[in-house]
Amino acid sequence: MIFVGALTLTGSLFAQKPSSDDAKYSLEGLANLNTTDGMSWTAPNLRLRYFVNDNIAARVQFGFGGDGTSVASTPSSESYTYYENPDGTGATGTVDISRSQWNLSLGAEYHLSGTDKMSPYFSAGLNLGSGSYEETWANSDGTAYSAVITDASITGAYSSMGFGIGAGFDYYVADNLYLGLEMNLNTVTVNNDPTNVTVMGNPAGFVPENTMKYTNLGAAHGSVRIGWRF
C-alpha cells in the first residue's frame, strides 16, 4: 500500500495512458477480492493483454495455487508426524497431503475513450480450471499413530468451466504503469471426480462423481490489479 501510494503521489501528475501504436502489450498481477477473506494474494495470478487497437484488447490469464480457493494461506502440501506415545517417543506414523490447482482464462476487452489517465473497459471471457487432492497415511489413521493401519489414501479431483462478463478500468500512475480495479459476474460449472478412500489396499469409502453450478457477482470475483504496458 505504501508503494501504491508513493506511485500515485509522485507519478500520476505526469502520467498519460499510452496508445496501442506505442505499447501493444501489458502484463499485470492480480490481488483477488472475496467476501469471506477480504483481500488476499492468490499468487501467482498473471494476465497478459494484446491491444489490437486503442479500443480492443485480447487477454489471457493464468493462475495456480494450493486448493484453488480464495484462501491464499492454504498450502500446496502438508506433512504430519504422529508418535506412538504421548511423550513423543516410540514408533511414528505420518500423513502427507498434496494439492494442486490451475486456472486459465481467455477473453477480450472493449476500452472506452476515458480520460488522459484512465481507460475504462468492459470484458468477457471463458474460464477453465482443474485441481486434485491426495492424502497418504503410513502407520496412521489420519489423526494419530496406528500400528494396524500401515497404509491408506484419499484421492479426488475436479475440473471447471465457466463464462464471465465484467467491467473495470486502468489508471496510469506513471509512464506505462497502471493500477486497476475489475468486477465480474461469473457462472461456473464444477465437475467433481469420484473421491476414493483406500485402507490397506481395500476400498473403505467412496463419494460419487457430482456436478455443481454457481454464479458469483461483485467482490466474490473482483480483483485489484497493478500492471506494466509495453
Protein backbone atom coordinates (compact mmCIF):
# COMPACT_ATOMS: atom_id res chain seq x y z
CA MET A 1 0.00 0.00 0.00
CA ILE A 2 2.94 2.36 0.71
CA PHE A 3 4.35 1.56 -2.74
CA VAL A 4 1.00 2.20 -4.43
CA GLY A 5 0.55 5.46 -2.52
CA ALA A 6 4.02 6.68 -3.49
CA LEU A 7 3.37 5.92 -7.16
CA THR A 8 0.08 7.77 -7.06
CA LEU A 9 1.52 10.86 -5.39
CA THR A 10 4.75 11.14 -7.38
CA GLY A 11 3.81 9.93 -10.84
CA SER A 12 0.14 10.49 -11.53
CA LEU A 13 0.53 14.22 -12.22
CA PHE A 14 2.59 13.46 -15.31
CA ALA A 15 1.23 10.05 -16.31
CA GLN A 16 -0.70 9.55 -19.52
CA LYS A 17 -2.18 6.37 -20.97
CA PRO A 18 -0.21 5.10 -23.97
CA SER A 19 -1.53 4.47 -27.47
CA SER A 20 -1.72 0.99 -28.94
CA ASP A 21 0.71 2.23 -31.61
CA ASP A 22 3.37 2.71 -28.90
CA ALA A 23 2.53 -0.10 -26.45
CA LYS A 24 0.59 -3.14 -27.65
CA TYR A 25 1.12 -5.41 -24.61
CA SER A 26 0.50 -5.26 -20.89
CA LEU A 27 1.48 -7.66 -18.10
CA GLU A 28 -0.13 -7.48 -14.68
CA GLY A 29 -0.58 -9.23 -11.35
CA LEU A 30 -3.91 -9.55 -9.56
CA ALA A 31 -4.88 -9.43 -5.89
CA ASN A 32 -8.24 -11.17 -5.65
CA LEU A 33 -11.10 -9.90 -3.51
CA ASN A 34 -13.56 -12.28 -1.88
CA THR A 35 -16.45 -11.84 0.52
CA THR A 36 -15.07 -14.31 3.07
CA ASP A 37 -11.46 -13.31 3.49
CA GLY A 38 -11.24 -9.70 2.33
CA MET A 39 -8.27 -9.06 0.05
CA SER A 40 -5.59 -11.71 -0.38
CA TRP A 41 -2.96 -12.65 -2.94
CA THR A 42 -3.50 -15.92 -4.76
CA ALA A 43 -0.04 -15.87 -6.26
CA PRO A 44 0.93 -16.25 -8.94
CA ASN A 45 -2.02 -14.97 -10.91
CA LEU A 46 -0.90 -13.18 -14.08
CA ARG A 47 -2.67 -11.57 -17.03
CA LEU A 48 -1.23 -10.71 -20.45
CA ARG A 49 -3.10 -8.42 -22.86
CA TYR A 50 -2.58 -7.59 -26.53
CA PHE A 51 -4.08 -4.33 -27.77
CA VAL A 52 -5.35 -4.74 -31.32
CA ASN A 53 -6.11 -1.03 -31.32
CA ASP A 54 -6.94 1.63 -28.74
CA ASN A 55 -10.38 0.12 -28.12
CA ILE A 56 -9.98 -3.66 -28.39
CA ALA A 57 -7.65 -5.95 -26.42
CA ALA A 58 -7.34 -9.74 -26.23
CA ARG A 59 -6.22 -11.26 -22.94
CA VAL A 60 -5.06 -14.50 -21.37
CA GLN A 61 -4.85 -15.08 -17.61
CA PHE A 62 -3.16 -17.93 -15.76
CA GLY A 63 -3.03 -18.83 -12.09
CA PHE A 64 -2.20 -21.77 -9.86
CA GLY A 65 -2.14 -22.41 -6.14
CA GLY A 66 -2.99 -24.68 -3.23
CA ASP A 67 -6.56 -25.89 -3.02
CA GLY A 68 -7.96 -23.46 -5.58
CA THR A 69 -9.97 -21.38 -3.11
CA SER A 70 -9.57 -17.72 -2.27
CA VAL A 71 -7.66 -18.60 0.92
CA ALA A 72 -4.07 -17.79 -0.04
CA SER A 73 -2.66 -19.38 3.13
CA THR A 74 -3.86 -22.89 2.21
CA PRO A 75 -0.63 -24.73 1.30
CA SER A 76 0.03 -26.96 -1.70
CA SER A 77 1.45 -29.65 0.57
CA GLU A 78 1.38 -30.61 4.25
CA SER A 79 3.10 -33.33 6.32
CA TYR A 80 2.21 -34.52 9.82
CA THR A 81 4.06 -36.92 12.14
CA TYR A 82 2.27 -38.78 14.96
CA TYR A 83 4.05 -40.65 17.76
CA GLU A 84 3.17 -43.94 19.39
CA ASN A 85 3.47 -42.50 22.92
CA PRO A 86 2.03 -39.23 24.27
CA ASP A 87 5.52 -38.05 25.27
CA GLY A 88 6.71 -38.13 21.64
CA THR A 89 8.60 -41.41 21.80
CA GLY A 90 8.20 -44.79 20.14
CA ALA A 91 7.18 -45.60 16.59
CA THR A 92 5.85 -42.90 14.27
CA GLY A 93 3.09 -42.55 11.71
CA THR A 94 2.74 -39.93 9.01
CA VAL A 95 0.08 -38.17 6.97
CA ASP A 96 1.08 -36.39 3.74
CA ILE A 97 -1.33 -34.10 1.86
CA SER A 98 -0.79 -32.81 -1.68
CA ARG A 99 -2.99 -30.29 -3.51
CA SER A 100 -2.76 -28.81 -6.99
CA GLN A 101 -4.89 -26.31 -8.90
CA TRP A 102 -4.67 -24.20 -12.04
CA ASN A 103 -6.98 -21.88 -13.93
CA LEU A 104 -6.87 -20.39 -17.41
CA SER A 105 -8.99 -17.55 -18.73
CA LEU A 106 -9.26 -16.40 -22.36
CA GLY A 107 -11.13 -13.23 -23.14
CA ALA A 108 -11.40 -9.79 -24.70
CA GLU A 109 -11.88 -6.20 -23.56
CA TYR A 110 -13.53 -3.16 -25.13
CA HIS A 111 -12.00 0.10 -23.91
CA LEU A 112 -13.96 3.35 -23.86
CA SER A 113 -12.42 6.75 -24.53
CA GLY A 114 -11.97 7.59 -20.86
CA THR A 115 -9.52 10.35 -19.96
CA ASP A 116 -5.80 11.01 -20.46
CA LYS A 117 -5.01 8.77 -17.47
CA MET A 118 -7.99 6.44 -17.13
CA SER A 119 -9.10 3.71 -19.53
CA PRO A 120 -12.45 2.12 -18.56
CA TYR A 121 -13.46 -1.12 -20.26
CA PHE A 122 -15.95 -3.97 -20.49
CA SER A 123 -14.77 -7.59 -20.65
CA ALA A 124 -15.98 -11.09 -21.47
CA GLY A 125 -14.20 -14.43 -21.26
CA LEU A 126 -14.09 -18.19 -20.98
CA ASN A 127 -12.67 -19.71 -17.77
CA LEU A 128 -11.17 -23.20 -17.42
CA GLY A 129 -9.67 -24.91 -14.39
CA SER A 130 -8.63 -28.17 -12.77
CA GLY A 131 -7.41 -29.42 -9.42
CA SER A 132 -6.52 -32.56 -7.47
CA TYR A 133 -6.17 -33.74 -3.86
CA GLU A 134 -4.25 -36.68 -2.42
CA GLU A 135 -3.83 -37.72 1.21
CA THR A 136 -1.50 -40.59 2.14
CA TRP A 137 -1.29 -42.30 5.56
CA ALA A 138 1.53 -44.52 6.84
CA ASN A 139 1.04 -46.15 10.25
CA SER A 140 -1.70 -43.66 10.95
CA ASP A 141 -5.50 -43.45 10.99
CA GLY A 142 -5.34 -39.86 9.75
CA THR A 143 -5.33 -38.26 13.20
CA ALA A 144 -2.96 -40.42 15.31
CA TYR A 145 -0.37 -43.24 15.21
CA SER A 146 -1.72 -46.66 14.29
CA ALA A 147 0.11 -49.96 14.23
CA VAL A 148 -2.83 -51.59 12.45
CA ILE A 149 -3.25 -49.21 9.51
CA THR A 150 0.10 -49.30 7.72
CA ASP A 151 -1.09 -47.60 4.54
CA ALA A 152 -4.17 -45.70 3.36
CA SER A 153 -5.05 -42.95 0.93
CA ILE A 154 -7.74 -40.45 -0.09
CA THR A 155 -7.80 -39.16 -3.67
CA GLY A 156 -10.04 -36.75 -5.57
CA ALA A 157 -10.00 -34.24 -8.43
CA TYR A 158 -12.18 -31.74 -10.23
CA SER A 159 -12.45 -29.73 -13.45
CA SER A 160 -14.32 -26.50 -14.10
CA MET A 161 -15.57 -24.37 -16.96
CA GLY A 162 -17.34 -21.04 -16.87
CA PHE A 163 -18.15 -17.77 -18.55
CA GLY A 164 -17.84 -14.27 -17.24
CA ILE A 165 -18.57 -10.65 -18.07
CA GLY A 166 -17.14 -7.70 -16.24
CA ALA A 167 -16.16 -4.05 -16.13
CA GLY A 168 -13.03 -2.33 -14.92
CA PHE A 169 -10.52 0.42 -15.53
CA ASP A 170 -6.79 1.10 -15.85
CA TYR A 171 -5.48 4.24 -14.15
CA TYR A 172 -1.96 5.27 -15.17
CA VAL A 173 0.06 6.49 -12.18
CA ALA A 174 3.36 6.69 -14.10
CA ASP A 175 4.59 6.21 -17.65
CA ASN A 176 3.24 2.82 -18.80
CA LEU A 177 2.49 1.81 -15.16
CA TYR A 178 -1.12 1.49 -14.08
CA LEU A 179 -3.37 0.42 -11.24
CA GLY A 180 -6.77 -1.07 -11.90
CA LEU A 181 -9.97 -2.48 -10.48
CA GLU A 182 -12.22 -5.09 -12.08
CA MET A 183 -15.54 -6.59 -11.01
CA ASN A 184 -17.15 -9.61 -12.66
CA LEU A 185 -20.27 -11.71 -12.97
CA ASN A 186 -19.18 -15.34 -13.39
CA THR A 187 -21.10 -18.55 -13.96
CA VAL A 188 -19.04 -21.68 -13.28
CA THR A 189 -19.77 -25.41 -13.57
CA VAL A 190 -17.54 -27.69 -11.47
CA ASN A 191 -17.31 -31.43 -12.16
CA ASN A 192 -16.00 -33.36 -9.17
CA ASP A 193 -14.42 -36.73 -9.90
CA PRO A 194 -15.17 -39.63 -7.54
CA THR A 195 -13.40 -39.41 -4.18
CA ASN A 196 -11.86 -42.75 -3.16
CA VAL A 197 -10.69 -43.87 0.28
CA THR A 198 -8.44 -46.94 0.37
CA VAL A 199 -7.18 -48.65 3.54
CA MET A 200 -4.64 -51.47 3.38
CA GLY A 201 -5.36 -51.86 -0.34
CA ASN A 202 -9.11 -52.25 0.17
CA PRO A 203 -11.86 -49.72 -0.69
CA ALA A 204 -13.06 -48.05 2.52
CA GLY A 205 -15.03 -45.07 1.28
CA PHE A 206 -16.42 -43.56 -1.87
CA VAL A 207 -18.07 -40.27 -2.86
CA PRO A 208 -19.59 -40.49 -6.36
CA GLU A 209 -18.93 -38.07 -9.17
CA ASN A 210 -21.03 -34.93 -8.91
CA THR A 211 -21.54 -31.57 -10.59
CA MET A 212 -22.33 -28.16 -9.14
CA LYS A 213 -23.04 -24.84 -10.79
CA TYR A 214 -22.80 -21.43 -9.19
CA THR A 215 -22.92 -17.75 -10.08
CA ASN A 216 -20.98 -15.02 -8.30
CA LEU A 217 -21.30 -11.26 -8.59
CA GLY A 218 -19.08 -8.46 -7.34
CA ALA A 219 -16.44 -8.90 -4.66
CA ALA A 220 -16.58 -12.68 -4.85
CA HIS A 221 -14.69 -12.40 -8.15
CA GLY A 222 -13.25 -8.89 -8.05
CA SER A 223 -9.59 -8.02 -8.38
CA VAL A 224 -7.21 -5.16 -7.73
CA ARG A 225 -4.51 -5.02 -10.40
CA ILE A 226 -1.08 -3.49 -10.94
CA GLY A 227 0.48 -3.71 -14.39
CA TRP A 228 3.06 -2.53 -16.90
CA ARG A 229 2.26 -1.68 -20.51
CA PHE A 230 4.97 -2.04 -23.14
